[in-house]
């Protein structure tokens, strides 16, 4: 498992994606899965950057683990920001027109659709979010 600790700031999104992509490429991840993982990682990291420490600043740790026997990628985000469980976010009704839908919520919905599993826990004063995808 490899990890990166970085300031939770939108300007660091590219660095987080570069870190993730390096691990995925090393694992031989197919480009379609890598693209899906990148979209999910970007959404989660940007949410942490915008909301976890608002209005202050803080760090985020992103780790990547690739399980060879079952080709499962686990990406874990940790931050010491405001406790928030995105897995509990109610999915938007995507059958409604854009005008009828509430603003927001599509990003987390997209993460849930792109990844195979998402779990959250608040442990030792940290938000810990795990995303998993079979590659």
Protein backbone atom coordinates (compact mmCIF):
# COMPACT_ATOMS: atom_id res chain seq x y z
CA UNK A 1 0.00 0.00 0.00
CA UNK A 2 1.25 3.45 -0.90
CA UNK A 3 -0.03 6.72 0.47
CA UNK A 4 0.18 10.43 -0.14
CA UNK A 5 -0.50 13.11 2.47
CA UNK A 6 -1.20 16.49 0.94
CA UNK A 7 -2.95 19.77 1.71
CA UNK A 8 -6.67 19.33 1.10
CA UNK A 9 -6.84 22.03 -1.56
CA UNK A 10 -8.38 21.92 -5.03
CA UNK A 11 -5.05 22.98 -6.54
CA UNK A 12 -3.64 19.61 -5.42
CA UNK A 13 -6.20 17.53 -7.33
CA UNK A 14 -3.81 16.93 -10.24
CA UNK A 15 -1.09 15.70 -7.85
CA UNK A 16 -3.54 13.27 -6.25
CA UNK A 17 -4.60 11.96 -9.66
CA UNK A 18 -0.97 11.56 -10.75
CA UNK A 19 -0.28 9.57 -7.58
CA UNK A 20 -3.33 7.33 -8.15
CA UNK A 21 -2.61 6.85 -11.84
CA UNK A 22 1.00 5.81 -11.19
CA UNK A 23 -0.22 3.04 -8.87
CA UNK A 24 -2.95 1.94 -11.29
CA UNK A 25 -0.58 1.85 -14.25
CA UNK A 26 1.92 -0.18 -12.24
CA UNK A 27 -0.89 -2.65 -11.47
CA UNK A 28 -1.84 -2.93 -15.16
CA UNK A 29 -5.23 -1.33 -14.66
CA UNK A 30 -7.30 -1.13 -17.87
CA UNK A 31 -7.80 2.45 -19.12
CA UNK A 32 -11.61 2.28 -18.74
CA UNK A 33 -11.34 1.33 -15.06
CA UNK A 34 -8.59 3.92 -14.52
CA UNK A 35 -10.77 6.65 -16.01
CA UNK A 36 -13.71 5.64 -13.78
CA UNK A 37 -11.48 5.59 -10.71
CA UNK A 38 -10.03 9.00 -11.64
CA UNK A 39 -13.51 10.55 -11.84
CA UNK A 40 -14.43 9.11 -8.42
CA UNK A 41 -11.12 10.17 -6.83
CA UNK A 42 -11.42 13.69 -8.19
CA UNK A 43 -14.98 14.04 -6.87
CA UNK A 44 -14.07 12.83 -3.38
CA UNK A 45 -10.85 14.85 -3.11
CA UNK A 46 -12.52 18.06 -4.31
CA UNK A 47 -15.32 17.53 -1.77
CA UNK A 48 -12.73 17.11 1.00
CA UNK A 49 -10.94 20.25 -0.22
CA UNK A 50 -14.14 22.29 -0.25
CA UNK A 51 -15.94 21.04 2.85
CA UNK A 52 -13.86 19.01 5.31
CA UNK A 53 -12.08 21.91 6.99
CA UNK A 54 -14.20 24.86 5.89
CA UNK A 55 -13.46 27.63 6.48
CA UNK A 56 -10.01 26.45 7.61
CA UNK A 57 -7.38 24.25 6.03
CA UNK A 58 -6.06 20.78 6.66
CA UNK A 59 -4.45 17.68 5.23
CA UNK A 60 -5.83 14.66 3.42
CA UNK A 61 -4.20 11.27 3.07
CA UNK A 62 -4.92 9.14 0.03
CA UNK A 63 -3.75 5.53 -0.13
CA UNK A 64 -3.91 2.92 -2.86
CA UNK A 65 -3.80 -0.81 -2.39
CA UNK A 66 -4.06 -3.33 -5.22
CA UNK A 67 -4.93 -6.88 -4.21
CA UNK A 68 -3.33 -9.12 -6.84
CA UNK A 69 -5.31 -12.33 -6.33
CA UNK A 70 -8.71 -10.72 -6.93
CA UNK A 71 -7.58 -7.62 -8.89
CA UNK A 72 -9.31 -5.30 -6.41
CA UNK A 73 -8.17 -1.69 -6.04
CA UNK A 74 -8.90 -0.03 -2.70
CA UNK A 75 -8.48 3.71 -2.43
CA UNK A 76 -8.74 5.17 1.04
CA UNK A 77 -9.19 8.84 1.92
CA UNK A 78 -8.51 10.10 5.44
CA UNK A 79 -8.98 13.58 6.83
CA UNK A 80 -9.48 15.15 10.24
CA UNK A 81 -12.22 17.47 9.04
CA UNK A 82 -15.89 17.66 9.91
CA UNK A 83 -17.36 14.13 10.19
CA UNK A 84 -19.29 13.34 7.02
CA UNK A 85 -20.44 10.01 5.59
CA UNK A 86 -21.01 10.33 1.84
CA UNK A 87 -22.27 6.72 1.71
CA UNK A 88 -25.39 7.92 3.56
CA UNK A 89 -26.09 10.63 0.99
CA UNK A 90 -29.50 9.93 -0.54
CA UNK A 91 -29.23 9.39 -4.29
CA UNK A 92 -30.89 12.06 -6.42
CA UNK A 93 -33.90 11.10 -8.51
CA UNK A 94 -32.24 11.13 -11.92
CA UNK A 95 -35.60 10.45 -13.60
CA UNK A 96 -36.65 14.04 -12.83
CA UNK A 97 -35.84 16.86 -15.21
CA UNK A 98 -32.95 19.17 -14.35
CA UNK A 99 -35.43 21.87 -13.35
CA UNK A 100 -37.21 19.52 -10.92
CA UNK A 101 -34.10 18.11 -9.21
CA UNK A 102 -32.48 19.56 -6.10
CA UNK A 103 -29.10 21.18 -6.63
CA UNK A 104 -26.13 19.00 -5.72
CA UNK A 105 -25.69 15.34 -4.92
CA UNK A 106 -24.77 14.13 -8.40
CA UNK A 107 -21.06 13.81 -7.60
CA UNK A 108 -21.46 11.30 -4.78
CA UNK A 109 -24.12 9.48 -6.82
CA UNK A 110 -21.61 9.22 -9.67
CA UNK A 111 -18.94 7.84 -7.31
CA UNK A 112 -21.39 5.17 -6.12
CA UNK A 113 -22.15 4.22 -9.74
CA UNK A 114 -18.51 4.11 -10.88
CA UNK A 115 -17.06 2.17 -7.96
CA UNK A 116 -18.01 -1.35 -6.88
CA UNK A 117 -18.10 -0.54 -3.17
CA UNK A 118 -17.93 2.50 -0.91
CA UNK A 119 -17.70 2.41 2.88
CA UNK A 120 -17.14 5.02 5.55
CA UNK A 121 -16.15 5.11 9.19
CA UNK A 122 -15.20 7.81 11.65
CA UNK A 123 -12.21 6.43 13.54
CA UNK A 124 -9.66 8.07 15.83
CA UNK A 125 -10.91 11.56 14.97
CA UNK A 126 -10.70 10.91 11.24
CA UNK A 127 -13.08 10.47 8.35
CA UNK A 128 -12.04 7.25 6.62
CA UNK A 129 -13.61 6.55 3.23
CA UNK A 130 -12.82 3.39 1.26
CA UNK A 131 -13.57 3.06 -2.45
CA UNK A 132 -13.15 -0.30 -4.16
CA UNK A 133 -13.16 -1.37 -7.78
CA UNK A 134 -12.36 -4.65 -9.44
CA UNK A 135 -9.96 -4.12 -12.34
